[in-house]
Protein backbone atom coordinates (compact mmCIF):
# COMPACT_ATOMS: atom_id res chain seq x y z
CA MET A 1 56.14 81.73 -47.01
CA PRO A 2 54.21 84.37 -45.12
CA ASN A 3 54.77 88.05 -45.97
CA THR A 4 56.70 87.37 -49.17
CA PHE A 5 57.58 90.47 -51.16
CA THR A 6 58.56 90.25 -54.82
CA GLN A 7 59.82 93.00 -57.10
CA ILE A 8 61.16 93.08 -60.62
CA TYR A 9 62.64 95.88 -62.70
CA ILE A 10 61.50 96.03 -66.32
CA GLN A 11 63.12 97.97 -69.16
CA ILE A 12 61.10 98.60 -72.32
CA VAL A 13 62.15 100.45 -75.47
CA PHE A 14 59.61 101.55 -78.06
CA ALA A 15 60.99 102.63 -81.43
CA VAL A 16 59.07 104.40 -84.18
CA LYS A 17 58.77 102.65 -87.53
CA GLY A 18 61.99 102.86 -89.49
CA ARG A 19 63.66 104.66 -86.55
CA LYS A 20 62.60 107.98 -88.10
CA ASN A 21 62.75 111.10 -85.91
CA LEU A 22 58.97 111.36 -85.43
CA ILE A 23 58.74 112.23 -81.72
CA ALA A 24 58.62 116.02 -81.76
CA GLN A 25 60.14 118.06 -78.93
CA SER A 26 56.89 120.03 -78.61
CA TRP A 27 54.87 117.02 -77.38
CA LYS A 28 57.59 114.63 -76.14
CA ASP A 29 57.04 115.56 -72.46
CA ASP A 30 53.28 114.97 -72.78
CA LEU A 31 53.98 111.54 -74.30
CA HIS A 32 56.28 110.60 -71.41
CA LYS A 33 53.75 111.80 -68.82
CA TYR A 34 51.02 109.80 -70.55
CA ILE A 35 53.12 106.62 -70.52
CA ALA A 36 54.04 107.16 -66.84
CA GLY A 37 50.33 107.59 -66.06
CA ILE A 38 49.51 104.26 -67.68
CA ILE A 39 52.19 102.55 -65.59
CA LYS A 40 50.89 104.20 -62.40
CA GLY A 41 47.35 103.18 -63.35
CA LYS A 42 48.52 99.56 -63.28
CA ASN A 43 49.76 100.06 -59.68
CA GLN A 44 53.40 99.91 -60.75
CA LYS A 45 56.18 102.45 -60.27
CA PRO A 46 57.69 104.26 -63.27
CA ILE A 47 61.37 104.81 -62.47
CA ILE A 48 62.13 106.81 -65.62
CA VAL A 49 60.41 107.48 -68.93
CA ASN A 50 62.66 109.23 -71.41
CA GLY A 51 63.86 108.99 -74.96
CA MET A 52 65.10 110.47 -78.17
CA PRO A 53 63.26 111.62 -81.31
CA ASP A 54 63.30 108.04 -82.64
CA HIS A 55 62.56 105.98 -79.51
CA THR A 56 61.22 106.04 -75.95
CA ALA A 57 62.84 104.11 -73.10
CA ILE A 58 60.97 103.08 -69.96
CA GLN A 59 62.33 101.71 -66.69
CA SER A 60 59.67 100.58 -64.25
CA GLN A 61 59.36 98.59 -61.06
CA SER A 62 56.78 95.89 -60.69
CA PHE A 63 56.09 94.52 -57.23
CA CYS A 64 53.59 92.47 -55.29
CA ASN A 65 53.11 91.49 -51.70
CA THR A 66 51.70 88.02 -51.20
CA ASP A 67 50.31 87.26 -47.78
């Protein structure tokens, strides 16, 4: 099929060991920006990167255009 476009939404949750509250408020935003940068570096689209002190949730969009 010419000009086929495919996209998929991916949800990922990372939890710290033992679900302890180890993600400090002081550097949580930097962590989320870093993760979003990695996703962008892979030519994907981070929809949302957020979380709580014991986990981080990521929603991203993966897409490709096959000609």
